[in-house]
Amino acid sequence: MLYLLIINLQKTKQMRTLPKYKQNLRIQGNNVWSYTTIVAKIDGYNLNQLGYWSMTTQKHINYVANYMNLNLIK
């Protein structure tokens, strides 16, 4: 079911907020946004991190990976 949610988000490009970090973290399509920057991309069951980030942004990325049960690829 979670995989279907990921596929649906990728197709619709709909913006989604998560229960924690509602103000500064969102997913739009397969992009993970922290503040105003794309910091990771969802690719199937993987979350590909796009570089090295501050402690707060890294918390956002880790949270998305855990919440959506994705493998984090740094």
N, C-alpha and C. Protein backbone atom coordinates (compact mmCIF):
# COMPACT_ATOMS: atom_id res chain seq x y z
N MET A 1 0.82 -1.20 0.00
CA MET A 1 0.00 0.00 0.00
C MET A 1 0.86 1.26 0.00
N LEU A 2 1.95 1.24 0.79
CA LEU A 2 2.83 2.40 0.84
C LEU A 2 3.45 2.64 -0.54
N TYR A 3 3.79 1.55 -1.23
CA TYR A 3 4.36 1.69 -2.56
C TYR A 3 3.37 2.36 -3.51
N LEU A 4 2.09 2.01 -3.39
CA LEU A 4 1.07 2.65 -4.22
C LEU A 4 0.97 4.14 -3.93
N LEU A 5 1.12 4.52 -2.66
CA LEU A 5 1.10 5.92 -2.27
C LEU A 5 2.26 6.65 -2.94
N ILE A 6 3.44 6.04 -2.93
CA ILE A 6 4.62 6.66 -3.56
C ILE A 6 4.39 6.84 -5.05
N ILE A 7 3.90 5.79 -5.71
CA ILE A 7 3.63 5.87 -7.14
C ILE A 7 2.59 6.96 -7.43
N ASN A 8 1.55 7.03 -6.62
CA ASN A 8 0.50 8.04 -6.80
C ASN A 8 1.07 9.44 -6.65
N LEU A 9 1.92 9.67 -5.65
CA LEU A 9 2.52 10.98 -5.46
C LEU A 9 3.40 11.35 -6.65
N GLN A 10 4.13 10.37 -7.18
CA GLN A 10 5.01 10.65 -8.31
C GLN A 10 4.20 11.02 -9.54
N LYS A 11 3.07 10.38 -9.76
CA LYS A 11 2.26 10.65 -10.94
C LYS A 11 1.55 11.99 -10.86
N THR A 12 1.04 12.34 -9.68
CA THR A 12 0.21 13.53 -9.57
C THR A 12 1.01 14.79 -9.27
N LYS A 13 2.23 14.64 -8.83
CA LYS A 13 3.07 15.78 -8.44
C LYS A 13 2.42 16.60 -7.31
N GLN A 14 1.58 15.94 -6.56
CA GLN A 14 0.86 16.57 -5.46
C GLN A 14 1.82 16.84 -4.29
N MET A 15 1.67 17.97 -3.64
CA MET A 15 2.48 18.28 -2.48
C MET A 15 1.88 17.63 -1.25
N ARG A 16 2.72 17.04 -0.44
CA ARG A 16 2.27 16.36 0.75
C ARG A 16 3.14 16.76 1.93
N THR A 17 2.52 17.07 3.04
CA THR A 17 3.26 17.30 4.28
C THR A 17 3.17 16.05 5.12
N LEU A 18 4.10 15.90 6.04
CA LEU A 18 4.15 14.74 6.91
C LEU A 18 3.77 15.15 8.33
N PRO A 19 3.40 14.18 9.18
CA PRO A 19 2.93 14.53 10.53
C PRO A 19 3.92 15.35 11.36
N LYS A 20 5.21 15.11 11.20
CA LYS A 20 6.22 15.84 11.95
C LYS A 20 6.91 16.81 10.98
N TYR A 21 7.41 17.92 11.48
CA TYR A 21 8.09 18.93 10.65
C TYR A 21 7.17 19.49 9.56
N LYS A 22 5.92 19.75 9.89
CA LYS A 22 4.92 20.19 8.90
C LYS A 22 5.29 21.49 8.20
N GLN A 23 5.97 22.38 8.89
CA GLN A 23 6.24 23.70 8.32
C GLN A 23 7.36 23.69 7.28
N ASN A 24 8.39 22.86 7.50
CA ASN A 24 9.59 22.97 6.68
C ASN A 24 9.95 21.72 5.88
N LEU A 25 9.09 20.72 5.90
CA LEU A 25 9.37 19.48 5.19
C LEU A 25 8.15 19.08 4.38
N ARG A 26 8.36 18.75 3.10
CA ARG A 26 7.25 18.30 2.27
C ARG A 26 7.78 17.41 1.14
N ILE A 27 6.84 16.65 0.57
CA ILE A 27 7.15 15.80 -0.57
C ILE A 27 6.27 16.25 -1.71
N GLN A 28 6.88 16.48 -2.85
CA GLN A 28 6.14 16.87 -4.05
C GLN A 28 6.62 15.99 -5.18
N GLY A 29 5.72 15.17 -5.72
CA GLY A 29 6.13 14.19 -6.71
C GLY A 29 7.08 13.20 -6.06
N ASN A 30 8.26 13.05 -6.62
CA ASN A 30 9.26 12.19 -5.98
C ASN A 30 10.36 13.00 -5.31
N ASN A 31 10.17 14.30 -5.18
CA ASN A 31 11.16 15.19 -4.55
C ASN A 31 10.83 15.43 -3.08
N VAL A 32 11.86 15.38 -2.26
CA VAL A 32 11.73 15.73 -0.84
C VAL A 32 12.31 17.13 -0.67
N TRP A 33 11.47 18.02 -0.17
CA TRP A 33 11.85 19.42 0.02
C TRP A 33 12.08 19.70 1.51
N SER A 34 13.20 20.31 1.83
CA SER A 34 13.47 20.82 3.17
C SER A 34 13.63 22.33 3.01
N TYR A 35 12.77 23.07 3.67
CA TYR A 35 12.68 24.51 3.47
C TYR A 35 12.40 24.79 1.99
N THR A 36 13.31 25.38 1.24
CA THR A 36 13.05 25.69 -0.18
C THR A 36 13.98 24.93 -1.12
N THR A 37 14.55 23.83 -0.64
CA THR A 37 15.55 23.09 -1.40
C THR A 37 15.15 21.63 -1.57
N ILE A 38 15.33 21.09 -2.75
CA ILE A 38 15.15 19.65 -2.95
C ILE A 38 16.39 18.96 -2.40
N VAL A 39 16.21 18.10 -1.39
CA VAL A 39 17.34 17.47 -0.71
C VAL A 39 17.45 15.97 -0.97
N ALA A 40 16.36 15.36 -1.50
CA ALA A 40 16.39 13.92 -1.78
C ALA A 40 15.31 13.60 -2.82
N LYS A 41 15.47 12.44 -3.45
CA LYS A 41 14.49 11.98 -4.44
C LYS A 41 14.10 10.54 -4.10
N ILE A 42 12.80 10.26 -4.24
CA ILE A 42 12.29 8.91 -4.01
C ILE A 42 12.40 8.15 -5.33
N ASP A 43 13.02 6.98 -5.25
CA ASP A 43 13.19 6.13 -6.43
C ASP A 43 12.81 4.70 -6.03
N GLY A 44 11.56 4.34 -6.24
CA GLY A 44 11.08 3.02 -5.84
C GLY A 44 11.09 2.89 -4.33
N TYR A 45 11.88 1.94 -3.82
CA TYR A 45 11.99 1.73 -2.36
C TYR A 45 13.20 2.45 -1.78
N ASN A 46 13.84 3.32 -2.56
CA ASN A 46 15.02 4.03 -2.10
C ASN A 46 14.75 5.52 -1.98
N LEU A 47 15.45 6.14 -1.05
CA LEU A 47 15.46 7.60 -0.92
C LEU A 47 16.89 8.03 -1.19
N ASN A 48 17.12 8.67 -2.34
CA ASN A 48 18.46 9.09 -2.73
C ASN A 48 18.73 10.51 -2.23
N GLN A 49 19.66 10.61 -1.30
CA GLN A 49 20.03 11.91 -0.74
C GLN A 49 20.90 12.65 -1.74
N LEU A 50 20.63 13.92 -1.94
CA LEU A 50 21.34 14.72 -2.94
C LEU A 50 22.39 15.62 -2.29
N GLY A 51 23.40 15.04 -1.70
CA GLY A 51 24.48 15.82 -1.11
C GLY A 51 24.51 15.74 0.39
N TYR A 52 25.33 16.60 0.98
CA TYR A 52 25.49 16.66 2.43
C TYR A 52 24.79 17.91 2.93
N TRP A 53 24.10 17.79 4.08
CA TRP A 53 23.24 18.87 4.55
C TRP A 53 23.47 19.16 6.02
N SER A 54 22.85 20.24 6.48
CA SER A 54 22.93 20.62 7.89
C SER A 54 22.28 19.55 8.75
N MET A 55 22.48 19.63 10.05
CA MET A 55 21.92 18.66 10.98
C MET A 55 20.39 18.62 10.88
N THR A 56 19.76 19.78 10.80
CA THR A 56 18.29 19.84 10.74
C THR A 56 17.78 19.21 9.45
N THR A 57 18.40 19.53 8.33
CA THR A 57 17.97 18.96 7.06
C THR A 57 18.21 17.46 7.05
N GLN A 58 19.31 17.00 7.63
CA GLN A 58 19.57 15.56 7.70
C GLN A 58 18.50 14.87 8.55
N LYS A 59 18.03 15.52 9.59
CA LYS A 59 16.92 14.97 10.39
C LYS A 59 15.67 14.82 9.52
N HIS A 60 15.41 15.81 8.68
CA HIS A 60 14.27 15.75 7.77
C HIS A 60 14.39 14.53 6.84
N ILE A 61 15.56 14.37 6.24
CA ILE A 61 15.78 13.26 5.30
C ILE A 61 15.63 11.92 6.01
N ASN A 62 16.24 11.79 7.18
CA ASN A 62 16.14 10.54 7.94
C ASN A 62 14.69 10.26 8.33
N TYR A 63 13.96 11.29 8.69
CA TYR A 63 12.56 11.13 9.07
C TYR A 63 11.73 10.60 7.89
N VAL A 64 11.92 11.17 6.71
CA VAL A 64 11.19 10.70 5.53
C VAL A 64 11.51 9.24 5.25
N ALA A 65 12.79 8.88 5.30
CA ALA A 65 13.20 7.50 5.04
C ALA A 65 12.53 6.55 6.03
N ASN A 66 12.54 6.91 7.31
CA ASN A 66 11.92 6.05 8.33
C ASN A 66 10.41 6.03 8.20
N TYR A 67 9.79 7.18 8.02
CA TYR A 67 8.33 7.28 7.96
C TYR A 67 7.77 6.50 6.77
N MET A 68 8.45 6.56 5.63
CA MET A 68 7.98 5.89 4.43
C MET A 68 8.62 4.54 4.21
N ASN A 69 9.43 4.10 5.18
CA ASN A 69 10.09 2.79 5.12
C ASN A 69 10.91 2.64 3.84
N LEU A 70 11.74 3.64 3.57
CA LEU A 70 12.60 3.64 2.38
C LEU A 70 14.05 3.40 2.78
N ASN A 71 14.84 2.85 1.89
CA ASN A 71 16.28 2.69 2.11
C ASN A 71 16.94 4.01 1.78
N LEU A 72 17.69 4.57 2.73
CA LEU A 72 18.37 5.84 2.50
C LEU A 72 19.71 5.58 1.81
N ILE A 73 19.89 6.18 0.65
CA ILE A 73 21.13 6.09 -0.12
C ILE A 73 21.79 7.46 -0.06
N LYS A 74 22.97 7.51 0.57
CA LYS A 74 23.68 8.78 0.70
C LYS A 74 24.67 8.97 -0.42
